[in-house]
């Protein structure tokens, strides 16, 4: 068996007859004529490449290629890619094209340090539109209640109320959690939408900006009724 020199080189230090050599080629052995082994691409590389190519596709071609997404690579990237925008987009793709098999990924992504990524994970966890299998309502409600109690971002909590409202008639804990939020959440807009759901029993929840305007109007109304209004206020945008 003959020995050939690898294409890979490393910088090393050796002593030759008392003299120091600063660099040399490292030798490895492999049979002459052997086919070089190609390094397997990592999941993050595969996800990067797929997202880049996906962005160049038309809507029609995306619809046709929805069943070809690299699910395992996207799941890994959704949890560990250093770019939060790519993590969020991977969750979006999984939600639309691989929701049933990405249940645990959505749950793990609820711990992401970036709020917008957690929002995407919350949607993927609770959305039933793109699923072919039944949602595990008990587990989803448990996760949503945990979000209401521990989430620091008001936008994410607001979305959790909206998601939880859809399960009012399927899990009694949903109604209890929303009633508790109506009384105890630190955000006035969240308290207002939660109280509306608790009073009316309807799953519709006002979007964040609209709810903030509603809460502002409510505060102004209270000022008027208490006689504490002392001048004109800025119009609600």
Protein backbone atom coordinates (compact mmCIF):
# COMPACT_ATOMS: atom_id res chain seq x y z
CA UNK A 1 0.00 0.00 0.00
CA UNK A 2 1.52 3.31 -1.02
CA UNK A 3 1.19 6.46 1.00
CA UNK A 4 -0.01 9.73 -0.44
CA UNK A 5 0.12 13.11 1.14
CA UNK A 6 -3.16 14.66 2.29
CA UNK A 7 -4.27 17.95 0.85
CA UNK A 8 -4.84 19.17 4.40
CA UNK A 9 -1.87 20.91 6.05
CA UNK A 10 -1.33 22.12 9.56
CA UNK A 11 1.14 24.49 11.13
CA UNK A 12 3.37 22.66 13.58
CA UNK A 13 6.76 22.94 15.26
CA UNK A 14 9.44 20.26 15.11
CA UNK A 15 13.12 20.11 15.88
CA UNK A 16 15.42 18.91 13.12
CA UNK A 17 19.07 18.45 14.13
CA UNK A 18 18.62 20.98 16.89
CA UNK A 19 17.03 23.58 14.62
CA UNK A 20 13.44 24.67 14.95
CA UNK A 21 11.22 24.37 11.86
CA UNK A 22 8.19 26.64 11.95
CA UNK A 23 5.90 24.73 9.61
CA UNK A 24 5.52 21.41 7.89
CA UNK A 25 2.89 19.32 6.20
CA UNK A 26 1.13 16.72 8.27
CA UNK A 27 1.09 13.35 6.55
CA UNK A 28 -1.86 10.99 6.64
CA UNK A 29 -2.13 7.61 5.07
CA UNK A 30 -4.82 6.31 2.76
CA UNK A 31 -4.73 3.80 -0.07
CA UNK A 32 -3.71 5.11 -3.47
CA UNK A 33 -6.78 5.75 -5.58
CA UNK A 34 -9.15 5.94 -2.60
CA UNK A 35 -12.08 8.34 -3.05
CA UNK A 36 -11.85 11.32 -0.63
CA UNK A 37 -14.65 11.33 1.95
CA UNK A 38 -16.88 14.40 1.63
CA UNK A 39 -17.83 16.00 4.91
CA UNK A 40 -21.56 15.82 5.60
CA UNK A 41 -23.30 19.18 5.67
CA UNK A 42 -24.61 20.24 9.06
CA UNK A 43 -28.30 20.80 9.73
CA UNK A 44 -27.67 24.53 10.10
CA UNK A 45 -25.99 24.68 6.69
CA UNK A 46 -28.83 22.75 5.09
CA UNK A 47 -31.41 25.04 6.73
CA UNK A 48 -29.48 28.15 5.67
CA UNK A 49 -29.34 27.02 2.07
CA UNK A 50 -32.99 25.99 1.97
CA UNK A 51 -34.24 29.28 3.44
CA UNK A 52 -32.13 31.23 0.95
CA UNK A 53 -33.54 29.25 -2.00
CA UNK A 54 -37.07 29.39 -0.58
CA UNK A 55 -36.95 33.18 -0.51
CA UNK A 56 -36.29 33.25 -4.26
CA UNK A 57 -39.32 31.09 -5.12
CA UNK A 58 -42.68 32.38 -6.28
CA UNK A 59 -45.79 31.63 -4.20
CA UNK A 60 -46.85 28.98 -6.69
CA UNK A 61 -43.52 27.16 -6.52
CA UNK A 62 -43.47 27.40 -2.73
CA UNK A 63 -46.85 25.71 -2.59
CA UNK A 64 -45.59 22.89 -4.81
CA UNK A 65 -42.38 22.42 -2.82
CA UNK A 66 -43.96 22.58 0.62
CA UNK A 67 -43.68 18.82 0.98
CA UNK A 68 -39.96 18.87 0.22
CA UNK A 69 -38.73 20.90 3.16
CA UNK A 70 -35.81 19.40 5.16
CA UNK A 71 -37.80 18.96 8.36
CA UNK A 72 -35.00 17.70 10.62
CA UNK A 73 -32.62 20.48 9.54
CA UNK A 74 -35.26 23.18 10.03
CA UNK A 75 -36.15 21.80 13.46
CA UNK A 76 -32.50 21.93 14.52
CA UNK A 77 -32.05 25.45 13.15
CA UNK A 78 -35.24 26.67 14.82
CA UNK A 79 -33.69 25.88 18.18
CA UNK A 80 -29.98 26.56 17.70
CA UNK A 81 -29.23 28.84 14.76
CA UNK A 82 -27.39 32.01 15.91
CA UNK A 83 -29.60 34.26 13.72
CA UNK A 84 -32.91 34.85 15.49
CA UNK A 85 -34.62 35.85 12.22
CA UNK A 86 -33.75 32.49 10.71
CA UNK A 87 -34.91 30.67 13.87
CA UNK A 88 -38.23 32.48 13.57
CA UNK A 89 -38.57 31.71 9.85
CA UNK A 90 -37.80 28.04 10.43
CA UNK A 91 -40.63 27.95 12.97
CA UNK A 92 -42.89 29.56 10.38
CA UNK A 93 -42.05 26.87 7.82
CA UNK A 94 -42.51 24.09 10.35
CA UNK A 95 -45.85 25.53 11.42
CA UNK A 96 -47.15 25.57 7.84
CA UNK A 97 -45.61 22.40 6.43
CA UNK A 98 -44.63 20.10 9.31
CA UNK A 99 -46.75 21.14 12.26
CA UNK A 100 -47.74 17.66 13.42
CA UNK A 101 -44.14 16.44 13.77
CA UNK A 102 -42.77 19.69 15.23
CA UNK A 103 -44.81 19.77 18.44
CA UNK A 104 -41.83 19.44 20.76
CA UNK A 105 -39.80 21.96 18.77
CA UNK A 106 -42.48 24.60 19.32
CA UNK A 107 -42.53 23.86 23.04
CA UNK A 108 -38.75 24.14 23.34
CA UNK A 109 -38.71 27.35 21.31
CA UNK A 110 -40.96 28.99 23.92
CA UNK A 111 -37.73 29.40 25.91
CA UNK A 112 -35.97 31.34 23.14
CA UNK A 113 -34.34 34.57 24.41
CA UNK A 114 -35.96 36.64 21.62
CA UNK A 115 -39.62 37.57 22.07
CA UNK A 116 -40.53 37.44 18.36
CA UNK A 117 -39.21 33.88 18.17
CA UNK A 118 -41.31 32.92 21.18
CA UNK A 119 -44.34 34.44 19.44
CA UNK A 120 -43.73 32.23 16.42
CA UNK A 121 -43.37 29.20 18.68
CA UNK A 122 -46.60 30.05 20.50
CA UNK A 123 -48.47 30.28 17.21
CA UNK A 124 -47.06 26.99 15.98
CA UNK A 125 -47.98 25.31 19.23
CA UNK A 126 -51.61 26.44 19.34
CA UNK A 127 -52.60 26.81 15.67
CA UNK A 128 -54.86 24.06 14.35
CA UNK A 129 -55.27 25.32 10.77
CA UNK A 130 -52.24 23.51 9.29
CA UNK A 131 -52.54 20.30 11.29
CA UNK A 132 -53.79 16.97 10.06
CA UNK A 133 -53.76 15.36 13.51
CA UNK A 134 -55.78 16.44 16.52
CA UNK A 135 -54.19 18.94 18.86
CA UNK A 136 -53.46 17.79 22.42
CA UNK A 137 -55.60 20.45 24.07
CA UNK A 138 -54.57 19.64 27.65
CA UNK A 139 -50.86 20.08 26.89
CA UNK A 140 -51.38 23.25 24.87
CA UNK A 141 -53.53 24.85 27.57
CA UNK A 142 -50.90 23.97 30.17
CA UNK A 143 -48.19 25.66 28.11
CA UNK A 144 -50.30 28.76 27.46
CA UNK A 145 -51.11 29.13 31.15
CA UNK A 146 -47.40 28.88 31.93
CA UNK A 147 -46.72 31.67 29.42
CA UNK A 148 -49.28 33.95 31.07
CA UNK A 149 -47.61 33.40 34.41
CA UNK A 150 -43.94 33.66 33.42
CA UNK A 151 -43.59 35.58 30.14
CA UNK A 152 -41.98 39.03 30.50
CA UNK A 153 -42.99 40.37 27.09
CA UNK A 154 -46.48 41.88 26.97
CA UNK A 155 -46.96 41.15 23.26
CA UNK A 156 -46.33 37.45 23.83
CA UNK A 157 -48.72 37.37 26.80
CA UNK A 158 -51.34 39.16 24.70
CA UNK A 159 -51.03 36.47 22.03
CA UNK A 160 -51.24 33.80 24.72
CA UNK A 161 -54.60 35.21 25.85
CA UNK A 162 -55.83 35.13 22.24
CA UNK A 163 -54.68 31.53 21.84
CA UNK A 164 -56.12 30.44 25.17
CA UNK A 165 -59.48 32.01 24.33
CA UNK A 166 -59.92 29.46 21.54
CA UNK A 167 -60.00 26.66 24.10
CA UNK A 168 -62.64 28.11 26.43
CA UNK A 169 -65.15 25.39 25.64
CA UNK A 170 -62.61 22.56 25.62
CA UNK A 171 -60.70 23.03 28.87
CA UNK A 172 -62.08 24.70 31.99
CA UNK A 173 -58.61 25.86 32.99
CA UNK A 174 -58.56 28.25 30.04
CA UNK A 175 -61.46 30.30 31.42
CA UNK A 176 -59.94 30.34 34.92
CA UNK A 177 -56.55 31.47 33.63
CA UNK A 178 -58.07 34.26 31.54
CA UNK A 179 -60.15 35.48 34.49
CA UNK A 180 -57.01 35.53 36.65
CA UNK A 181 -55.14 37.47 33.95
CA UNK A 182 -57.96 40.03 33.78
CA UNK A 183 -57.33 40.87 37.42
CA UNK A 184 -53.60 40.42 37.85
CA UNK A 185 -51.66 41.11 34.65
CA UNK A 186 -49.44 44.19 34.86
CA UNK A 187 -50.46 45.38 31.38
CA UNK A 188 -53.73 47.30 31.17
CA UNK A 189 -54.45 46.28 27.57
CA UNK A 190 -54.03 42.61 28.44
CA UNK A 191 -56.29 42.98 31.46
CA UNK A 192 -58.89 44.62 29.24
CA UNK A 193 -58.93 41.94 26.51
CA UNK A 194 -58.87 39.17 29.12
CA UNK A 195 -61.83 40.74 30.93
CA UNK A 196 -63.71 41.02 27.64
CA UNK A 197 -63.16 37.33 26.93
CA UNK A 198 -64.15 36.38 30.49
CA UNK A 199 -67.34 38.47 30.33
CA UNK A 200 -68.49 37.56 26.83
CA UNK A 201 -67.08 34.05 26.52
CA UNK A 202 -66.09 34.68 22.92
CA UNK A 203 -62.73 33.65 21.47
CA UNK A 204 -62.16 36.89 19.55
CA UNK A 205 -59.42 39.06 21.06
CA UNK A 206 -58.52 42.57 19.92
CA UNK A 207 -55.08 42.93 18.40
CA UNK A 208 -52.35 44.53 20.47
CA UNK A 209 -52.45 48.07 19.01
CA UNK A 210 -56.23 48.23 19.09
CA UNK A 211 -56.27 46.94 22.66
CA UNK A 212 -53.75 49.57 23.71
CA UNK A 213 -56.00 52.29 22.27
CA UNK A 214 -58.99 50.79 24.06
CA UNK A 215 -57.09 50.80 27.35
CA UNK A 216 -56.09 54.42 26.80
CA UNK A 217 -59.71 55.41 26.19
CA UNK A 218 -60.76 53.54 29.31
CA UNK A 219 -58.21 55.44 31.40
CA UNK A 220 -59.43 58.76 30.00
CA UNK A 221 -63.02 57.84 30.71
CA UNK A 222 -62.14 57.11 34.30
CA UNK A 223 -60.40 60.46 34.60
CA UNK A 224 -63.53 62.19 33.33
CA UNK A 225 -65.80 60.31 35.69
CA UNK A 226 -63.57 61.04 38.68
CA UNK A 227 -63.40 64.76 37.86
CA UNK A 228 -59.64 64.63 37.50
CA UNK A 229 -59.53 65.71 33.87
CA UNK A 230 -57.74 69.05 33.67
CA UNK A 231 -57.25 69.77 30.02
CA UNK A 232 -57.25 68.50 26.44
CA UNK A 233 -55.58 65.23 25.60
CA UNK A 234 -53.84 63.97 22.51
CA UNK A 235 -56.15 62.25 20.01
CA UNK A 236 -55.97 58.50 19.92
CA UNK A 237 -54.04 57.43 16.83
